[in-house]
C-alpha atoms as a PDB file:
ATOM      1  CA  GLN A   1     -14.610  14.161  -1.736  1.00  0.00           C
ATOM      2  CA  VAL A   2     -12.707  11.203  -0.333  1.00  0.00           C
ATOM      3  CA  GLN A   3      -8.947  11.662  -0.148  1.00  0.00           C
ATOM      4  CA  LEU A   4      -6.194   9.136   0.430  1.00  0.00           C
ATOM      5  CA  VAL A   5      -2.754  10.417   1.352  1.00  0.00           C
ATOM      6  CA  GLU A   6       0.292   8.150   1.399  1.00  0.00           C
ATOM      7  CA  SER A   7       3.429   8.850   3.380  1.00  0.00           C
ATOM      8  CA  GLY A   8       6.571   7.086   4.521  1.00  0.00           C
ATOM      9  CA  GLY A   9       8.310   6.491   1.213  1.00  0.00           C
ATOM     10  CA  GLY A  10      11.984   7.119   0.693  1.00  0.00           C
ATOM     11  CA  LEU A  11      15.363   5.599   0.035  1.00  0.00           C
ATOM     12  CA  VAL A  12      16.240   2.346   1.794  1.00  0.00           C
ATOM     13  CA  GLN A  13      19.117  -0.070   1.417  1.00  0.00           C
ATOM     14  CA  PRO A  14      18.589  -3.628   0.201  1.00  0.00           C
ATOM     15  CA  GLY A  15      17.541  -5.809   3.090  1.00  0.00           C
ATOM     16  CA  GLY A  16      16.028  -2.880   4.928  1.00  0.00           C
ATOM     17  CA  SER A  17      12.471  -2.256   6.088  1.00  0.00           C
ATOM     18  CA  LEU A  18       9.960   0.492   5.526  1.00  0.00           C
ATOM     19  CA  THR A  19       6.412   1.240   6.616  1.00  0.00           C
ATOM     20  CA  LEU A  20       4.039   3.201   4.411  1.00  0.00           C
ATOM     21  CA  THR A  21       0.981   4.931   5.803  1.00  0.00           C
ATOM     22  CA  CYS A  22      -2.255   5.756   4.005  1.00  0.00           C
ATOM     23  CA  THR A  23      -4.527   8.227   5.745  1.00  0.00           C
ATOM     24  CA  VAL A  24      -8.127   8.218   4.525  1.00  0.00           C
ATOM     25  CA  SER A  25     -10.395  11.244   4.914  1.00  0.00           C
ATOM     26  CA  THR A  26     -13.478   9.162   5.687  1.00  0.00           C
ATOM     27  CA  ASP A  27     -14.492   6.119   7.681  1.00  0.00           C
ATOM     28  CA  ILE A  28     -12.562   3.260   6.071  1.00  0.00           C
ATOM     29  CA  SER A  29     -15.088   0.730   7.322  1.00  0.00           C
ATOM     30  CA  ARG A  30     -17.300   2.008   4.487  1.00  0.00           C
ATOM     31  CA  PHE A  31     -15.038   0.276   1.989  1.00  0.00           C
ATOM     32  CA  THR A  32     -15.166  -3.373   1.036  1.00  0.00           C
ATOM     33  CA  ALA A  33     -11.425  -3.489   0.698  1.00  0.00           C
ATOM     34  CA  VAL A  34      -8.229  -1.476   0.954  1.00  0.00           C
ATOM     35  CA  GLY A  35      -4.930  -2.246  -0.653  1.00  0.00           C
ATOM     36  CA  TRP A  36      -1.543  -1.192  -1.865  1.00  0.00           C
ATOM     37  CA  PHE A  37      -0.437  -1.158  -5.485  1.00  0.00           C
ATOM     38  CA  ARG A  38       2.843  -0.209  -7.083  1.00  0.00           C
ATOM     39  CA  GLN A  39       4.101   0.933 -10.434  1.00  0.00           C
ATOM     40  CA  ALA A  40       7.690   0.872 -11.620  1.00  0.00           C
ATOM     41  CA  PRO A  41       8.798   2.892 -14.666  1.00  0.00           C
ATOM     42  CA  GLY A  42       7.643   1.277 -17.898  1.00  0.00           C
ATOM     43  CA  THR A  43       5.369  -1.208 -16.169  1.00  0.00           C
ATOM     44  CA  GLU A  44       1.688  -1.444 -15.355  1.00  0.00           C
ATOM     45  CA  ARG A  45       0.357  -0.761 -11.896  1.00  0.00           C
ATOM     46  CA  GLU A  46       0.109  -4.016  -9.959  1.00  0.00           C
ATOM     47  CA  LEU A  47      -1.448  -5.203  -6.736  1.00  0.00           C
ATOM     48  CA  VAL A  48       1.020  -5.577  -3.893  1.00  0.00           C
ATOM     49  CA  ILE A  49      -1.353  -6.635  -1.172  1.00  0.00           C
ATOM     50  CA  GLY A  50      -5.032  -6.191  -0.417  1.00  0.00           C
ATOM     51  CA  LEU A  51      -7.178  -6.527   2.684  1.00  0.00           C
ATOM     52  CA  ILE A  52     -10.909  -7.093   2.570  1.00  0.00           C
ATOM     53  CA  ALA A  53     -13.338  -6.282   5.348  1.00  0.00           C
ATOM     54  CA  THR A  54     -13.515  -9.904   6.518  1.00  0.00           C
ATOM     55  CA  GLY A  55      -9.807  -9.803   7.303  1.00  0.00           C
ATOM     56  CA  SER A  56      -8.619 -11.909   4.389  1.00  0.00           C
ATOM     57  CA  THR A  57      -5.569 -10.726   2.503  1.00  0.00           C
ATOM     58  CA  LYS A  58      -4.244 -11.284  -0.988  1.00  0.00           C
ATOM     59  CA  SER A  59      -0.654 -10.530  -1.888  1.00  0.00           C
ATOM     60  CA  ALA A  60       1.415 -10.675  -5.028  1.00  0.00           C
ATOM     61  CA  ASP A  61       3.731 -13.661  -5.461  1.00  0.00           C
ATOM     62  CA  THR A  62       6.619 -11.253  -6.017  1.00  0.00           C
ATOM     63  CA  THR A  63       6.450 -10.070  -2.416  1.00  0.00           C
ATOM     64  CA  ASP A  64       7.324 -13.549  -1.119  1.00  0.00           C
ATOM     65  CA  GLY A  65       5.510 -12.904   2.133  1.00  0.00           C
ATOM     66  CA  ARG A  66       7.769  -9.932   2.930  1.00  0.00           C
ATOM     67  CA  PHE A  67       4.921  -7.408   2.988  1.00  0.00           C
ATOM     68  CA  THR A  68       2.032  -7.128   5.430  1.00  0.00           C
ATOM     69  CA  ILE A  69      -1.015  -4.893   5.474  1.00  0.00           C
ATOM     70  CA  SER A  70      -2.997  -3.652   8.427  1.00  0.00           C
ATOM     71  CA  ARG A  71      -5.682  -1.104   9.114  1.00  0.00           C
ATOM     72  CA  ASP A  72      -6.673   1.094  12.033  1.00  0.00           C
ATOM     73  CA  ASN A  73     -10.392   1.814  11.824  1.00  0.00           C
ATOM     74  CA  VAL A  74     -10.159   4.422  14.583  1.00  0.00           C
ATOM     75  CA  LYS A  75      -7.460   6.432  12.811  1.00  0.00           C
ATOM     76  CA  ASN A  76      -8.819   5.613   9.331  1.00  0.00           C
ATOM     77  CA  THR A  77      -5.344   4.534   8.363  1.00  0.00           C
ATOM     78  CA  VAL A  78      -3.919   1.680   6.330  1.00  0.00           C
ATOM     79  CA  TYR A  79      -0.346   0.515   6.735  1.00  0.00           C
ATOM     80  CA  LEU A  80       2.038  -1.363   4.481  1.00  0.00           C
ATOM     81  CA  GLN A  81       4.959  -2.917   6.287  1.00  0.00           C
ATOM     82  CA  MET A  82       7.773  -4.030   4.027  1.00  0.00           C
ATOM     83  CA  TYR A  83      10.694  -6.195   5.098  1.00  0.00           C
ATOM     84  CA  ASN A  84      13.859  -7.438   3.419  1.00  0.00           C
ATOM     85  CA  LEU A  85      13.419  -4.983   0.598  1.00  0.00           C
ATOM     86  CA  LYS A  86      14.981  -5.683  -2.773  1.00  0.00           C
ATOM     87  CA  PRO A  87      15.987  -3.325  -5.612  1.00  0.00           C
ATOM     88  CA  GLU A  88      13.105  -4.741  -7.665  1.00  0.00           C
ATOM     89  CA  ASP A  89      10.691  -3.373  -5.058  1.00  0.00           C
ATOM     90  CA  THR A  90      11.550   0.125  -6.273  1.00  0.00           C
ATOM     91  CA  ALA A  91       8.352   1.785  -7.473  1.00  0.00           C
ATOM     92  CA  VAL A  92       5.718   4.363  -6.711  1.00  0.00           C
ATOM     93  CA  TYR A  93       3.363   2.849  -4.143  1.00  0.00           C
ATOM     94  CA  TYR A  94      -0.317   3.735  -4.204  1.00  0.00           C
ATOM     95  CA  CYS A  95      -3.045   3.219  -1.660  1.00  0.00           C
ATOM     96  CA  LYS A  96      -6.517   2.258  -2.900  1.00  0.00           C
ATOM     97  CA  ALA A  97      -9.876   1.931  -1.202  1.00  0.00           C
ATOM     98  CA  TRP A  98     -12.882   0.505  -2.996  1.00  0.00           C
ATOM     99  CA  GLY A  99     -16.421  -0.750  -2.506  1.00  0.00           C
ATOM    100  CA  SER A 100     -20.023   0.170  -3.220  1.00  0.00           C
ATOM    101  CA  VAL A 101     -19.277   3.749  -2.166  1.00  0.00           C
ATOM    102  CA  GLY A 102     -16.736   4.116  -4.945  1.00  0.00           C
ATOM    103  CA  THR A 103     -13.068   3.610  -5.785  1.00  0.00           C
ATOM    104  CA  TYR A 104     -10.401   6.002  -4.585  1.00  0.00           C
ATOM    105  CA  TRP A 105      -6.644   6.270  -5.078  1.00  0.00           C
ATOM    106  CA  GLY A 106      -3.914   8.163  -3.317  1.00  0.00           C
ATOM    107  CA  GLN A 107      -1.311  10.213  -5.165  1.00  0.00           C
ATOM    108  CA  GLY A 108       1.479   7.721  -4.522  1.00  0.00           C
ATOM    109  CA  THR A 109       4.758   7.709  -2.642  1.00  0.00           C
ATOM    110  CA  GLN A 110       8.148   6.776  -4.077  1.00  0.00           C
ATOM    111  CA  VAL A 111      10.078   3.855  -2.611  1.00  0.00           C
ATOM    112  CA  THR A 112      13.633   3.396  -3.825  1.00  0.00           C
ATOM    113  CA  VAL A 113      15.701   0.392  -2.759  1.00  0.00           C
ATOM    114  CA  SER A 114      19.344   0.983  -3.517  1.00  0.00           C
ATOM    115  CA  SER A 115      22.760   0.850  -1.917  1.00  0.00           C
END
Protein backbone atom coordinates (compact mmCIF):
# COMPACT_ATOMS: atom_id res chain seq x y z
CA GLN A 1 0.00 0.00 0.00
CA VAL A 2 1.55 3.28 -1.10
CA GLN A 3 1.23 6.12 1.39
CA LEU A 4 1.80 9.83 0.96
CA VAL A 5 2.14 11.96 4.07
CA GLU A 6 2.12 15.75 3.93
CA SER A 7 3.61 17.98 6.59
CA GLY A 8 4.59 21.60 7.09
CA GLY A 9 1.21 23.29 6.99
CA GLY A 10 0.18 25.95 9.45
CA LEU A 11 -0.66 29.58 9.97
CA VAL A 12 1.40 32.19 8.12
CA GLN A 13 1.01 35.92 7.68
CA PRO A 14 0.35 37.47 4.28
CA GLY A 15 3.60 37.91 2.44
CA GLY A 16 5.20 35.04 4.30
CA SER A 17 6.68 31.78 3.04
CA LEU A 18 6.06 28.15 3.79
CA THR A 19 7.45 24.82 2.62
CA LEU A 20 5.30 21.71 2.51
CA THR A 21 6.80 18.24 2.47
CA CYS A 22 5.31 15.07 1.03
CA THR A 23 6.96 11.84 2.08
CA VAL A 24 6.19 8.85 -0.13
CA SER A 25 6.43 5.27 1.14
CA THR A 26 7.84 3.93 -2.13
CA ASP A 27 10.32 4.86 -4.81
CA ILE A 28 8.89 8.04 -6.35
CA SER A 29 10.75 7.42 -9.59
CA ARG A 30 8.06 4.81 -10.28
CA PHE A 31 5.56 7.60 -10.87
CA THR A 32 5.12 9.54 -14.08
CA ALA A 33 4.36 12.68 -12.16
CA VAL A 34 3.97 14.17 -8.70
CA GLY A 35 2.10 17.29 -7.79
CA TRP A 36 0.37 19.46 -5.26
CA PHE A 37 -3.33 20.27 -5.26
CA ARG A 38 -5.42 22.40 -2.95
CA GLN A 39 -9.01 22.71 -1.92
CA ALA A 40 -10.60 25.68 -0.19
CA PRO A 41 -13.99 25.38 1.53
CA GLY A 42 -16.82 25.27 -0.99
CA THR A 43 -14.52 24.84 -3.97
CA GLU A 44 -13.26 21.96 -6.06
CA ARG A 45 -9.79 20.55 -5.63
CA GLU A 46 -7.42 22.24 -8.07
CA LEU A 47 -3.90 21.70 -9.33
CA VAL A 48 -1.35 24.01 -7.77
CA ILE A 49 1.75 22.71 -9.46
CA GLY A 50 2.87 19.45 -11.01
CA LEU A 51 6.22 17.94 -11.93
CA ILE A 52 6.62 15.19 -14.47
CA ALA A 53 9.54 12.79 -14.67
CA THR A 54 11.19 14.72 -17.51
CA GLY A 55 11.51 17.74 -15.23
CA SER A 56 8.78 19.84 -16.80
CA THR A 57 6.41 21.64 -14.48
CA LYS A 58 2.89 22.97 -14.81
CA SER A 59 1.48 25.48 -12.37
CA ALA A 60 -1.83 27.20 -11.89
CA ASP A 61 -2.14 30.79 -13.11
CA THR A 62 -3.35 31.79 -9.65
CA THR A 63 0.06 31.06 -8.15
CA ASP A 64 1.70 33.78 -10.26
CA GLY A 65 5.02 31.99 -10.17
CA ARG A 66 5.15 32.19 -6.36
CA PHE A 67 5.21 28.41 -5.88
CA THR A 68 7.91 25.93 -6.82
CA ILE A 69 8.02 22.16 -6.69
CA SER A 70 10.99 19.89 -6.26
CA ARG A 71 11.65 16.25 -5.55
CA ASP A 72 14.35 14.25 -3.80
CA ASN A 73 14.49 10.77 -5.31
CA VAL A 74 16.83 9.55 -2.57
CA LYS A 75 14.50 10.60 0.24
CA ASN A 76 11.34 9.86 -1.79
CA THR A 77 10.12 13.31 -0.91
CA VAL A 78 8.33 16.06 -2.80
CA TYR A 79 8.46 19.67 -1.70
CA LEU A 80 6.21 22.65 -2.30
CA GLN A 81 7.85 25.98 -1.62
CA MET A 82 5.44 28.87 -1.37
CA TYR A 83 6.44 32.53 -1.32
CA ASN A 84 4.58 35.80 -0.87
CA LEU A 85 1.53 33.99 0.38
CA LYS A 86 -1.88 35.59 0.09
CA PRO A 87 -5.11 35.02 2.06
CA GLU A 88 -6.60 33.41 -1.05
CA ASP A 89 -3.93 30.70 -0.82
CA THR A 90 -5.69 29.40 2.29
CA ALA A 91 -6.72 25.80 1.66
CA VAL A 92 -6.00 22.18 2.43
CA TYR A 93 -2.99 21.16 0.34
CA TYR A 94 -2.73 17.62 -0.99
CA CYS A 95 0.16 15.73 -2.47
CA LYS A 96 -0.52 13.38 -5.40
CA ALA A 97 1.59 10.84 -7.23
CA TRP A 98 0.37 9.13 -10.37
CA GLY A 99 1.44 6.94 -13.27
CA SER A 100 1.04 3.43 -14.64
CA VAL A 101 1.51 2.04 -11.13
CA GLY A 102 -1.57 3.87 -9.91
CA THR A 103 -2.77 7.16 -8.44
CA TYR A 104 -2.22 8.03 -4.80
CA TRP A 105 -3.18 10.96 -2.59
CA GLY A 106 -2.02 12.17 0.77
CA GLN A 107 -4.42 13.11 3.56
CA GLY A 108 -3.79 16.84 3.19
CA THR A 109 -2.32 19.59 5.33
CA GLN A 110 -4.01 22.88 6.20
CA VAL A 111 -2.41 26.16 5.15
CA THR A 112 -3.96 29.32 6.54
CA VAL A 113 -2.76 32.75 5.43
CA SER A 114 -4.02 35.40 7.80
CA SER A 115 -2.83 38.32 9.86
